[in-house]
N, C-alpha and C. Protein backbone atom coordinates (compact mmCIF):
# COMPACT_ATOMS: atom_id res chain seq x y z
N MET A 1 21.67 -21.02 -21.13
CA MET A 1 22.05 -22.83 -20.62
C MET A 1 21.38 -23.86 -20.80
N TYR A 2 19.94 -22.79 -20.24
CA TYR A 2 18.83 -24.11 -20.54
C TYR A 2 18.31 -24.43 -21.00
N GLU A 3 18.22 -23.01 -22.43
CA GLU A 3 17.49 -22.98 -23.81
C GLU A 3 18.64 -24.75 -24.86
N LYS A 4 19.98 -24.86 -24.41
CA LYS A 4 20.53 -25.24 -24.60
C LYS A 4 20.15 -26.87 -24.71
N ALA A 5 20.14 -27.16 -23.45
CA ALA A 5 19.97 -28.37 -22.75
C ALA A 5 18.54 -29.04 -23.18
N PHE A 6 17.18 -27.99 -23.63
CA PHE A 6 15.93 -28.51 -23.90
C PHE A 6 16.19 -28.49 -25.46
N LYS A 7 16.78 -28.21 -25.94
CA LYS A 7 17.28 -28.29 -26.80
C LYS A 7 17.68 -29.32 -27.97
N LYS A 8 18.72 -29.65 -27.04
CA LYS A 8 19.32 -31.45 -26.29
C LYS A 8 18.02 -32.70 -26.28
N LEU A 9 17.52 -32.01 -24.79
CA LEU A 9 16.75 -33.38 -25.08
C LEU A 9 15.64 -33.27 -26.23
N PHE A 10 15.67 -32.46 -27.35
CA PHE A 10 14.98 -32.11 -28.58
C PHE A 10 15.07 -33.01 -29.67
N TRP A 11 16.48 -32.69 -29.83
CA TRP A 11 17.08 -33.55 -30.72
C TRP A 11 17.05 -35.12 -30.64
N GLY A 12 17.25 -35.35 -29.65
CA GLY A 12 18.16 -36.46 -28.76
C GLY A 12 16.46 -37.16 -29.23
N TYR A 13 15.45 -36.64 -28.66
CA TYR A 13 14.19 -37.24 -28.74
C TYR A 13 13.67 -38.09 -30.25
N ILE A 14 14.19 -37.15 -30.84
CA ILE A 14 14.29 -36.94 -32.56
C ILE A 14 15.22 -38.13 -33.02
N PHE A 15 15.89 -38.51 -32.09
CA PHE A 15 16.42 -40.29 -32.44
C PHE A 15 16.05 -40.97 -31.93
N ILE A 16 15.25 -40.96 -31.17
CA ILE A 16 14.43 -42.17 -30.42
C ILE A 16 12.79 -42.43 -30.67
N PHE A 17 12.18 -41.24 -31.45
CA PHE A 17 10.88 -41.56 -31.79
C PHE A 17 11.13 -41.80 -33.61
N ILE A 18 12.34 -41.66 -34.77
CA ILE A 18 11.95 -41.43 -35.43
C ILE A 18 12.57 -42.82 -35.75
N ASN A 19 12.97 -43.93 -36.69
CA ASN A 19 13.40 -45.32 -36.58
C ASN A 19 13.42 -45.37 -38.36
N LEU A 20 14.54 -45.00 -38.98
CA LEU A 20 14.88 -45.46 -39.84
C LEU A 20 15.47 -46.64 -39.78
N ARG A 21 15.34 -47.61 -40.62
CA ARG A 21 15.57 -48.36 -41.18
C ARG A 21 16.05 -48.80 -42.52
N ILE A 22 17.73 -49.87 -43.04
CA ILE A 22 18.31 -49.67 -44.06
C ILE A 22 18.86 -51.09 -43.53
N SER A 23 17.51 -52.30 -44.63
CA SER A 23 18.74 -53.45 -44.34
C SER A 23 18.52 -53.48 -42.95
N GLY A 24 17.38 -53.24 -42.17
CA GLY A 24 17.65 -53.72 -40.43
C GLY A 24 18.62 -52.83 -39.69
N VAL A 25 19.15 -52.16 -40.50
CA VAL A 25 20.52 -51.20 -39.52
C VAL A 25 19.16 -50.25 -39.14
N ASP A 26 19.50 -49.33 -37.98
CA ASP A 26 18.77 -48.36 -37.72
C ASP A 26 19.81 -46.89 -38.35
N ILE A 27 19.27 -46.07 -38.62
CA ILE A 27 19.92 -45.47 -39.14
C ILE A 27 20.44 -44.00 -37.98
N LEU A 28 19.59 -43.86 -37.87
CA LEU A 28 19.64 -42.43 -36.03
C LEU A 28 19.60 -43.51 -34.94
N PRO A 29 20.63 -44.55 -34.57
CA PRO A 29 20.35 -45.34 -33.02
C PRO A 29 19.85 -44.37 -32.06
N ASP A 30 19.24 -45.57 -31.36
CA ASP A 30 18.37 -44.82 -30.31
C ASP A 30 19.45 -44.36 -29.07
N SER A 31 20.90 -45.56 -29.45
CA SER A 31 21.79 -44.89 -28.47
C SER A 31 22.16 -43.46 -28.18
N ILE A 32 22.56 -43.05 -29.64
CA ILE A 32 22.56 -41.67 -29.88
C ILE A 32 22.03 -40.60 -29.07
N GLY A 33 20.37 -41.34 -30.00
CA GLY A 33 19.18 -40.27 -28.83
C GLY A 33 19.75 -40.36 -27.29
N TYR A 34 20.27 -41.15 -26.89
CA TYR A 34 19.63 -41.32 -25.15
C TYR A 34 21.38 -40.67 -24.64
N ILE A 35 22.14 -40.83 -25.47
CA ILE A 35 23.58 -40.00 -25.11
C ILE A 35 22.97 -38.41 -24.74
N ILE A 36 22.56 -38.02 -26.01
CA ILE A 36 22.58 -37.17 -25.91
C ILE A 36 21.33 -35.70 -25.12
N ILE A 37 20.46 -37.11 -25.03
CA ILE A 37 18.97 -36.65 -23.64
C ILE A 37 19.86 -36.40 -22.53
N LEU A 38 20.43 -37.30 -22.61
CA LEU A 38 21.88 -37.54 -21.30
C LEU A 38 22.93 -36.56 -20.61
N GLN A 39 23.30 -35.75 -21.65
CA GLN A 39 24.14 -34.41 -21.94
C GLN A 39 22.55 -33.47 -21.44
N GLY A 40 21.68 -33.41 -21.75
CA GLY A 40 20.48 -32.09 -21.97
C GLY A 40 20.21 -32.70 -20.18
N ILE A 41 19.92 -33.50 -20.05
CA ILE A 41 19.69 -34.14 -18.43
C ILE A 41 20.85 -33.36 -17.96
N LYS A 42 21.85 -33.65 -17.93
CA LYS A 42 22.62 -33.20 -17.09
C LYS A 42 22.91 -31.42 -16.76
N MET A 43 22.56 -30.75 -17.65
CA MET A 43 22.77 -29.59 -17.49
C MET A 43 21.60 -29.27 -16.59
N LEU A 44 20.49 -29.86 -16.58
CA LEU A 44 18.92 -29.20 -15.94
C LEU A 44 19.35 -30.37 -14.26
N LEU A 45 20.43 -31.09 -13.88
CA LEU A 45 20.48 -31.52 -12.59
C LEU A 45 20.30 -31.03 -11.45
N PRO A 46 20.50 -29.32 -11.05
CA PRO A 46 20.44 -28.28 -10.28
C PRO A 46 18.80 -28.19 -10.07
N ASN A 47 18.24 -28.19 -11.18
CA ASN A 47 16.46 -27.67 -10.79
C ASN A 47 15.14 -28.43 -10.47
N SER A 48 16.06 -30.18 -10.48
CA SER A 48 15.06 -31.37 -9.45
C SER A 48 15.71 -32.32 -9.60
N GLU A 49 15.30 -32.60 -7.96
CA GLU A 49 15.66 -34.34 -7.96
C GLU A 49 15.06 -35.01 -9.26
N HIS A 50 13.95 -34.56 -9.78
CA HIS A 50 13.43 -35.99 -11.03
C HIS A 50 14.28 -35.90 -12.32
N PHE A 51 15.16 -34.66 -11.90
CA PHE A 51 16.43 -35.12 -13.36
C PHE A 51 17.41 -35.75 -13.14
N THR A 52 17.77 -36.07 -11.61
CA THR A 52 18.97 -36.97 -11.32
C THR A 52 17.99 -38.40 -11.28
N MET A 53 16.93 -38.36 -11.40
CA MET A 53 16.19 -39.99 -11.53
C MET A 53 16.40 -40.24 -12.74
N ALA A 54 16.24 -39.15 -13.56
CA ALA A 54 15.77 -39.33 -15.05
C ALA A 54 17.24 -39.93 -15.66
N MET A 55 18.56 -39.19 -15.04
CA MET A 55 19.75 -39.38 -15.77
C MET A 55 20.06 -41.28 -15.38
N LYS A 56 19.55 -41.61 -13.81
CA LYS A 56 19.91 -43.20 -13.25
C LYS A 56 18.97 -43.81 -14.14
N TYR A 57 17.90 -43.65 -15.21
CA TYR A 57 17.47 -44.67 -15.85
C TYR A 57 17.59 -44.64 -17.44
N ASN A 58 18.11 -43.46 -17.83
CA ASN A 58 19.14 -43.22 -18.84
C ASN A 58 19.86 -43.97 -19.40
N TYR A 59 20.77 -44.21 -18.34
CA TYR A 59 22.09 -45.22 -19.06
C TYR A 59 21.82 -46.06 -19.32
N PRO A 60 20.68 -47.33 -18.55
CA PRO A 60 20.56 -48.88 -18.71
C PRO A 60 20.10 -48.37 -20.27
N LEU A 61 19.56 -47.12 -20.44
CA LEU A 61 18.41 -47.48 -21.77
C LEU A 61 19.68 -47.36 -23.10
N ILE A 62 20.89 -46.58 -22.97
CA ILE A 62 22.11 -46.69 -23.76
C ILE A 62 22.09 -48.14 -23.80
N VAL A 63 22.73 -48.48 -22.98
CA VAL A 63 22.92 -50.18 -23.14
C VAL A 63 22.24 -50.73 -23.88
N LEU A 64 20.95 -50.66 -23.22
CA LEU A 64 20.08 -51.94 -24.30
C LEU A 64 19.18 -51.11 -25.17
N SER A 65 19.83 -49.79 -25.75
CA SER A 65 19.19 -49.53 -26.57
C SER A 65 20.12 -50.11 -27.86
N LEU A 66 21.12 -50.35 -28.16
CA LEU A 66 22.20 -51.57 -28.41
C LEU A 66 21.84 -52.59 -28.90
N PHE A 67 20.95 -53.06 -28.23
CA PHE A 67 20.02 -54.21 -28.58
C PHE A 67 19.93 -54.21 -29.47
N SER A 68 18.68 -52.67 -30.53
CA SER A 68 17.99 -53.02 -31.34
C SER A 68 18.24 -51.58 -32.79
N ILE A 69 20.27 -51.27 -32.37
CA ILE A 69 20.90 -51.32 -33.54
C ILE A 69 20.11 -51.66 -34.56
N TYR A 70 20.77 -52.89 -35.45
CA TYR A 70 20.47 -54.39 -36.36
C TYR A 70 19.36 -55.51 -35.69
N GLN A 71 18.13 -55.13 -36.87
CA GLN A 71 16.91 -55.83 -35.82
C GLN A 71 16.59 -56.39 -37.53
N ASN A 72 17.23 -58.53 -37.46
CA ASN A 72 16.70 -59.30 -38.17
C ASN A 72 14.85 -59.30 -38.42
N ASN A 73 14.55 -58.44 -39.67
CA ASN A 73 12.90 -58.74 -40.17
C ASN A 73 12.74 -59.88 -40.79
N ILE A 74 11.58 -60.16 -40.35
CA ILE A 74 10.72 -61.36 -41.13
C ILE A 74 9.53 -60.60 -42.27
N ARG A 75 9.13 -61.22 -43.44
CA ARG A 75 7.90 -60.99 -44.14
C ARG A 75 6.72 -61.52 -43.37
N ASP A 76 5.58 -61.16 -43.08
CA ASP A 76 4.63 -61.58 -43.18
C ASP A 76 3.13 -60.69 -43.86
N GLY A 77 3.03 -61.33 -44.90
CA GLY A 77 1.61 -60.83 -45.91
C GLY A 77 2.30 -59.45 -46.55
N TYR A 78 1.59 -58.13 -46.19
CA TYR A 78 2.09 -56.91 -45.72
C TYR A 78 2.71 -56.42 -44.90
N PHE A 79 3.25 -56.83 -44.61
CA PHE A 79 4.34 -55.97 -43.05
C PHE A 79 5.97 -56.27 -43.02
N THR A 80 6.41 -55.73 -42.57
CA THR A 80 7.42 -56.27 -42.26
C THR A 80 7.95 -56.44 -40.67
N LEU A 81 8.33 -57.27 -40.23
CA LEU A 81 7.99 -57.43 -38.54
C LEU A 81 9.46 -57.50 -38.08
N PRO A 82 9.68 -57.26 -36.84
CA PRO A 82 11.03 -57.26 -36.16
C PRO A 82 11.29 -59.05 -36.06
N GLN A 83 11.51 -59.84 -35.70
CA GLN A 83 11.89 -61.50 -35.92
C GLN A 83 12.08 -61.25 -34.73
N SER A 84 11.00 -62.00 -33.33
CA SER A 84 11.13 -61.86 -32.10
C SER A 84 11.84 -63.00 -31.56
N SER A 85 12.53 -62.74 -30.27
CA SER A 85 13.03 -63.56 -29.68
C SER A 85 12.73 -63.90 -28.25
N LEU A 86 13.21 -65.03 -27.06
CA LEU A 86 13.00 -64.29 -25.92
C LEU A 86 13.94 -63.26 -25.34
N ILE A 87 15.12 -63.37 -25.53
CA ILE A 87 16.07 -62.33 -25.24
C ILE A 87 15.48 -60.73 -25.91
N GLY A 88 15.32 -61.12 -26.89
CA GLY A 88 14.62 -59.79 -27.55
C GLY A 88 13.77 -59.32 -26.80
N THR A 89 12.50 -60.23 -26.63
CA THR A 89 11.23 -59.52 -25.31
C THR A 89 11.40 -59.28 -24.28
N ILE A 90 12.85 -59.85 -23.60
CA ILE A 90 12.97 -58.96 -21.83
C ILE A 90 13.36 -57.89 -22.49
N VAL A 91 14.51 -57.68 -23.38
CA VAL A 91 14.64 -55.74 -23.82
C VAL A 91 13.80 -55.51 -23.77
N GLY A 92 12.66 -55.57 -24.97
CA GLY A 92 11.95 -54.38 -24.68
C GLY A 92 11.44 -54.70 -23.90
N ILE A 93 10.18 -55.61 -22.97
CA ILE A 93 9.87 -54.72 -21.70
C ILE A 93 10.75 -53.96 -20.58
N ALA A 94 12.21 -54.06 -20.65
CA ALA A 94 13.17 -53.47 -20.36
C ALA A 94 12.55 -52.25 -20.34
N SER A 95 13.13 -51.99 -21.47
CA SER A 95 13.27 -51.07 -22.00
C SER A 95 12.14 -49.82 -21.79
N ALA A 96 10.81 -50.32 -21.95
CA ALA A 96 9.84 -49.76 -21.88
C ALA A 96 9.21 -49.15 -20.69
N VAL A 97 10.10 -50.10 -19.80
CA VAL A 97 9.66 -49.82 -18.71
C VAL A 97 10.67 -48.75 -17.89
N LEU A 98 12.04 -48.91 -18.42
CA LEU A 98 12.74 -48.20 -17.96
C LEU A 98 12.51 -45.83 -18.67
N SER A 99 12.08 -47.12 -20.05
CA SER A 99 11.64 -45.02 -20.94
C SER A 99 10.56 -45.10 -19.92
N LEU A 100 9.88 -45.90 -19.29
CA LEU A 100 8.05 -44.91 -19.03
C LEU A 100 8.83 -44.31 -17.79
N LEU A 101 10.00 -44.51 -16.92
CA LEU A 101 10.31 -44.17 -15.53
C LEU A 101 11.33 -42.62 -15.92
N LEU A 102 11.90 -42.94 -16.94
CA LEU A 102 12.70 -42.08 -17.56
C LEU A 102 11.82 -40.69 -17.71
N MET A 103 10.24 -40.85 -18.50
CA MET A 103 9.70 -40.03 -18.75
C MET A 103 8.95 -39.91 -17.74
N TYR A 104 8.67 -40.48 -16.67
CA TYR A 104 8.02 -39.73 -15.98
C TYR A 104 8.77 -38.63 -14.63
N ASN A 105 10.19 -38.48 -14.80
CA ASN A 105 11.27 -38.33 -13.68
C ASN A 105 11.10 -37.10 -14.76
N LEU A 106 11.59 -37.38 -16.49
CA LEU A 106 11.88 -35.99 -17.04
C LEU A 106 10.48 -34.65 -17.30
N LEU A 107 9.32 -35.34 -17.49
CA LEU A 107 8.31 -34.41 -17.48
C LEU A 107 7.90 -34.08 -16.01
N VAL A 108 7.72 -34.89 -15.30
CA VAL A 108 7.92 -34.00 -13.64
C VAL A 108 8.94 -32.61 -12.87
N GLY A 109 9.99 -33.56 -13.99
CA GLY A 109 11.14 -32.59 -13.38
C GLY A 109 11.00 -30.68 -14.33
N ILE A 110 10.73 -31.19 -14.96
CA ILE A 110 9.89 -30.22 -16.17
C ILE A 110 9.21 -29.13 -16.03
N LYS A 111 7.74 -30.32 -15.06
CA LYS A 111 6.75 -29.77 -14.55
C LYS A 111 7.58 -28.73 -13.39
N GLU A 112 7.92 -29.48 -12.68
CA GLU A 112 8.81 -27.83 -11.08
C GLU A 112 9.93 -27.40 -11.91
N MET A 113 10.45 -27.47 -12.58
CA MET A 113 11.02 -26.24 -13.22
C MET A 113 10.22 -25.50 -14.04
N CYS A 114 9.15 -25.99 -14.76
CA CYS A 114 8.86 -24.53 -15.01
C CYS A 114 8.04 -23.58 -13.90
N ARG A 115 7.16 -24.29 -12.87
CA ARG A 115 6.55 -23.93 -12.47
C ARG A 115 7.30 -23.21 -11.22
N LYS A 116 8.51 -23.17 -10.77
CA LYS A 116 9.84 -22.65 -10.52
C LYS A 116 9.93 -21.24 -11.34
N ASN A 117 10.28 -21.53 -12.30
CA ASN A 117 10.04 -20.11 -12.83
C ASN A 117 8.57 -19.65 -13.40
N ASN A 118 7.47 -19.96 -13.12
CA ASN A 118 6.37 -19.37 -13.35
C ASN A 118 6.21 -19.48 -14.75
N ILE A 119 6.65 -20.46 -15.55
CA ILE A 119 5.56 -20.77 -17.00
C ILE A 119 5.05 -22.08 -16.38
N ILE A 120 3.81 -21.60 -16.62
CA ILE A 120 2.49 -22.55 -15.98
C ILE A 120 1.76 -23.22 -17.23
N ASP A 121 1.88 -22.52 -18.42
CA ASP A 121 1.07 -22.84 -19.70
C ASP A 121 1.86 -24.18 -19.70
N LEU A 122 3.82 -24.53 -19.86
CA LEU A 122 4.04 -25.48 -20.22
C LEU A 122 4.29 -26.51 -18.54
N SER A 123 4.27 -25.92 -17.70
CA SER A 123 3.94 -26.86 -16.79
C SER A 123 2.73 -27.26 -16.42
N ASN A 124 1.90 -27.81 -16.87
CA ASN A 124 0.57 -28.14 -17.12
C ASN A 124 0.62 -28.83 -18.26
N MET A 125 1.89 -28.61 -19.17
CA MET A 125 1.65 -28.81 -20.71
C MET A 125 2.69 -30.51 -19.95
N ALA A 126 3.27 -30.37 -19.11
CA ALA A 126 4.41 -31.78 -18.99
C ALA A 126 3.75 -32.45 -17.92
N ASP A 127 2.47 -31.93 -17.21
CA ASP A 127 1.89 -32.81 -16.45
C ASP A 127 0.63 -33.27 -17.48
N GLU A 128 0.26 -32.62 -18.49
CA GLU A 128 -0.68 -33.68 -19.10
C GLU A 128 -0.31 -34.69 -20.39
N LEU A 129 0.59 -34.27 -20.59
CA LEU A 129 1.76 -34.93 -21.99
C LEU A 129 2.26 -36.42 -20.99
N TRP A 130 2.66 -36.13 -19.75
CA TRP A 130 2.76 -37.75 -18.58
C TRP A 130 1.65 -38.28 -18.57
N ASN A 131 0.54 -37.87 -18.64
CA ASN A 131 -0.55 -38.91 -18.33
C ASN A 131 -0.99 -39.20 -19.95
N TYR A 132 -0.68 -38.53 -21.00
CA TYR A 132 -1.59 -38.85 -22.36
C TYR A 132 0.62 -40.58 -22.18
N TYR A 133 1.43 -40.00 -21.81
CA TYR A 133 2.57 -40.96 -22.00
C TYR A 133 2.33 -42.41 -21.59
N TRP A 134 2.08 -42.45 -20.23
CA TRP A 134 1.54 -43.97 -19.35
C TRP A 134 0.31 -44.69 -20.20
N LYS A 135 -0.19 -43.72 -20.72
CA LYS A 135 -2.09 -44.05 -21.19
C LYS A 135 -1.31 -45.11 -22.32
N VAL A 136 -1.11 -44.23 -23.04
CA VAL A 136 -0.60 -45.02 -24.85
C VAL A 136 0.08 -46.38 -24.04
N LEU A 137 1.64 -46.10 -23.78
CA LEU A 137 1.89 -47.01 -22.94
C LEU A 137 1.64 -48.14 -22.47
N LEU A 138 0.42 -48.11 -22.11
CA LEU A 138 -0.24 -49.17 -21.88
C LEU A 138 -1.48 -49.68 -22.57
N ALA A 139 -1.79 -48.41 -23.48
CA ALA A 139 -2.40 -50.08 -24.57
C ALA A 139 -2.17 -50.33 -25.53
N VAL A 140 -0.77 -50.19 -25.70
CA VAL A 140 0.62 -50.64 -26.60
C VAL A 140 0.24 -52.23 -25.50
N PHE A 141 0.65 -51.76 -24.38
CA PHE A 141 0.52 -53.20 -23.72
C PHE A 141 -0.41 -54.25 -23.76
N LEU A 142 -1.69 -53.89 -23.93
CA LEU A 142 -3.09 -54.19 -23.76
C LEU A 142 -3.39 -54.53 -25.33
N GLY A 143 -2.56 -54.46 -26.31
CA GLY A 143 -2.64 -54.71 -28.08
C GLY A 143 -1.89 -55.16 -27.93
N ILE A 144 -1.68 -55.98 -27.73
CA ILE A 144 -0.91 -57.46 -27.72
C ILE A 144 -2.05 -58.20 -28.11
N PRO A 145 -2.85 -58.98 -27.41
CA PRO A 145 -3.62 -59.98 -26.69
C PRO A 145 -4.50 -59.48 -27.62
N ILE A 146 -5.19 -57.85 -27.97
CA ILE A 146 -5.75 -57.35 -28.51
C ILE A 146 -6.17 -57.09 -30.26
N ALA A 147 -4.45 -57.75 -31.12
CA ALA A 147 -4.21 -57.53 -32.06
C ALA A 147 -4.56 -59.08 -32.36
N LEU A 148 -4.31 -59.97 -31.54
CA LEU A 148 -4.47 -61.32 -32.50
C LEU A 148 -6.11 -61.34 -33.24
N ILE A 149 -7.08 -60.61 -32.88
CA ILE A 149 -8.74 -60.31 -33.15
C ILE A 149 -8.62 -59.61 -34.41
N PRO A 150 -9.07 -60.26 -35.39
CA PRO A 150 -8.70 -60.35 -36.74
C PRO A 150 -8.23 -58.43 -37.27
N VAL A 151 -9.73 -57.93 -37.67
CA VAL A 151 -10.29 -56.71 -37.76
C VAL A 151 -10.04 -55.90 -37.30
N ILE A 152 -10.38 -55.96 -35.39
CA ILE A 152 -10.51 -55.52 -34.25
C ILE A 152 -8.85 -54.69 -33.86
N GLY A 153 -8.21 -56.22 -33.73
CA GLY A 153 -6.59 -55.78 -33.65
C GLY A 153 -5.77 -55.19 -34.40
N LEU A 154 -6.38 -54.92 -35.53
CA LEU A 154 -5.81 -53.53 -36.73
C LEU A 154 -5.68 -52.40 -36.29
N ILE A 155 -8.02 -52.31 -37.00
CA ILE A 155 -8.37 -51.45 -36.14
C ILE A 155 -7.36 -50.21 -34.91
N TYR A 156 -7.70 -50.79 -33.57
CA TYR A 156 -7.02 -51.08 -32.53
C TYR A 156 -5.32 -50.83 -32.61
N LEU A 157 -4.68 -51.75 -33.32
CA LEU A 157 -3.26 -50.94 -33.89
C LEU A 157 -3.24 -49.54 -34.42
N ILE A 158 -4.25 -49.40 -35.12
CA ILE A 158 -3.68 -48.54 -36.48
C ILE A 158 -3.96 -46.67 -35.42
N VAL A 159 -4.68 -46.95 -34.49
CA VAL A 159 -5.22 -45.92 -33.60
C VAL A 159 -4.75 -45.76 -32.56
N VAL A 160 -3.57 -46.52 -31.59
CA VAL A 160 -2.27 -46.79 -30.53
C VAL A 160 -1.78 -46.13 -31.55
N ILE A 161 -1.25 -46.25 -32.32
CA ILE A 161 -0.08 -45.85 -33.44
C ILE A 161 -0.08 -44.71 -33.11
N ILE A 162 -1.45 -44.28 -34.09
CA ILE A 162 -1.82 -42.15 -34.70
C ILE A 162 -1.63 -41.65 -32.84
N ILE A 163 -2.39 -42.24 -32.20
CA ILE A 163 -2.00 -41.44 -30.81
C ILE A 163 -1.00 -41.10 -30.16
N ALA A 164 -0.32 -42.40 -30.55
CA ALA A 164 1.54 -42.85 -30.38
C ALA A 164 1.94 -41.71 -30.90
N ILE A 165 1.51 -41.13 -31.87
CA ILE A 165 3.09 -40.68 -32.86
C ILE A 165 2.65 -39.35 -32.25
N VAL A 166 1.34 -38.67 -32.34
CA VAL A 166 0.59 -37.46 -31.64
C VAL A 166 1.51 -36.78 -30.37
N VAL A 167 1.00 -38.07 -29.37
CA VAL A 167 1.52 -37.82 -28.59
C VAL A 167 3.47 -37.48 -28.16
N ASN A 168 3.95 -38.54 -29.04
CA ASN A 168 5.56 -38.32 -29.21
C ASN A 168 5.64 -36.66 -29.67
N ILE A 169 4.69 -35.74 -30.99
CA ILE A 169 5.06 -35.07 -31.53
C ILE A 169 4.73 -33.63 -30.43
N LYS A 170 3.97 -34.20 -30.18
CA LYS A 170 3.70 -32.94 -28.37
C LYS A 170 4.54 -32.49 -27.01
N ILE A 171 5.95 -34.52 -26.90
CA ILE A 171 6.53 -33.92 -26.19
C ILE A 171 7.82 -33.48 -26.45
N LEU A 172 8.06 -34.03 -28.21
CA LEU A 172 9.11 -33.16 -28.67
C LEU A 172 8.18 -31.13 -28.77
N LYS A 173 7.28 -31.20 -29.21
CA LYS A 173 6.94 -29.68 -29.20
C LYS A 173 7.44 -29.00 -27.83
N LEU A 174 6.92 -29.90 -27.08
CA LEU A 174 7.00 -29.04 -25.18
C LEU A 174 8.86 -28.72 -25.03
N PHE A 175 9.54 -29.93 -25.57
CA PHE A 175 10.81 -29.72 -25.46
C PHE A 175 11.55 -28.19 -26.23
N TRP A 176 10.67 -27.95 -27.29
CA TRP A 176 11.10 -26.75 -27.89
C TRP A 176 10.42 -25.63 -27.92
N ASP A 177 9.30 -25.13 -27.07
CA ASP A 177 9.09 -24.63 -26.66
C ASP A 177 9.71 -24.58 -25.37
N ILE A 178 9.77 -24.71 -24.72
CA ILE A 178 10.67 -24.75 -23.21
C ILE A 178 11.92 -24.12 -23.79
N SER A 179 12.76 -24.59 -24.86
CA SER A 179 14.58 -24.11 -24.69
C SER A 179 13.82 -22.62 -25.11
N GLU A 180 12.48 -22.22 -26.44
CA GLU A 180 12.72 -21.15 -26.73
C GLU A 180 11.93 -19.81 -25.53
N ARG A 181 11.12 -21.01 -24.97
CA ARG A 181 10.77 -19.74 -23.60
C ARG A 181 11.87 -19.40 -22.51
N PHE A 182 13.19 -20.04 -22.58
CA PHE A 182 14.38 -19.93 -21.65
C PHE A 182 15.26 -19.24 -22.00
N ASN A 183 14.87 -18.92 -24.00
CA ASN A 183 16.26 -17.68 -24.77
C ASN A 183 15.55 -16.95 -24.43
N ILE A 184 14.46 -16.91 -24.82
CA ILE A 184 13.48 -15.22 -24.84
C ILE A 184 13.71 -14.95 -23.14
N ASP A 185 13.66 -15.55 -22.34
CA ASP A 185 13.84 -15.08 -20.71
C ASP A 185 15.36 -14.63 -21.09
N LYS A 186 16.60 -15.30 -21.78
CA LYS A 186 17.30 -14.86 -21.11
C LYS A 186 17.78 -13.48 -22.02
N VAL A 187 17.60 -13.19 -23.14
CA VAL A 187 17.60 -12.52 -24.29
C VAL A 187 17.18 -10.83 -22.94
N ILE A 188 15.64 -10.86 -22.80
CA ILE A 188 14.98 -9.74 -22.27
C ILE A 188 15.66 -9.77 -20.42
N ASN A 189 16.40 -10.71 -20.09
CA ASN A 189 17.30 -10.68 -18.51
C ASN A 189 18.92 -10.24 -19.44
């Protein structure tokens, strides 16, 4: 059962992590990803109070992510940027805060669950990834004023994007590795 829960977390996170747009429409909508994650979290509820909290933060993310299914883009030199509005900014900030709270509770719940099942390496990895996750999110917010500095802003943005991609891939790997570990334990027992 747990391997299925973590596979759901993996596939749901894929929907959130990958942002493919055609004519402004997100082909892999985040809302579907959050629904899949919710299904995985529900399977994990008995293992930690943090999964209950993660579920509470996941519900509003499903709703808020509906606002990002379509984004009208503007062309700015070499880049295509999402058109910003006050409502879009508020939704973006609320989504970032809720995502932070969701990931905190999800990763701490995973850490506790792994410790209870004596899977120390993945427990440590969950703890480490939480520390990376919040630091990357902070770097993104600090990058907003830094992005206004011509060359430094671009370099900073590229470095933060690369680090964010690496951290998110490691989170996906954690979900996959835990699902495999619980699948092996089920076969052995």
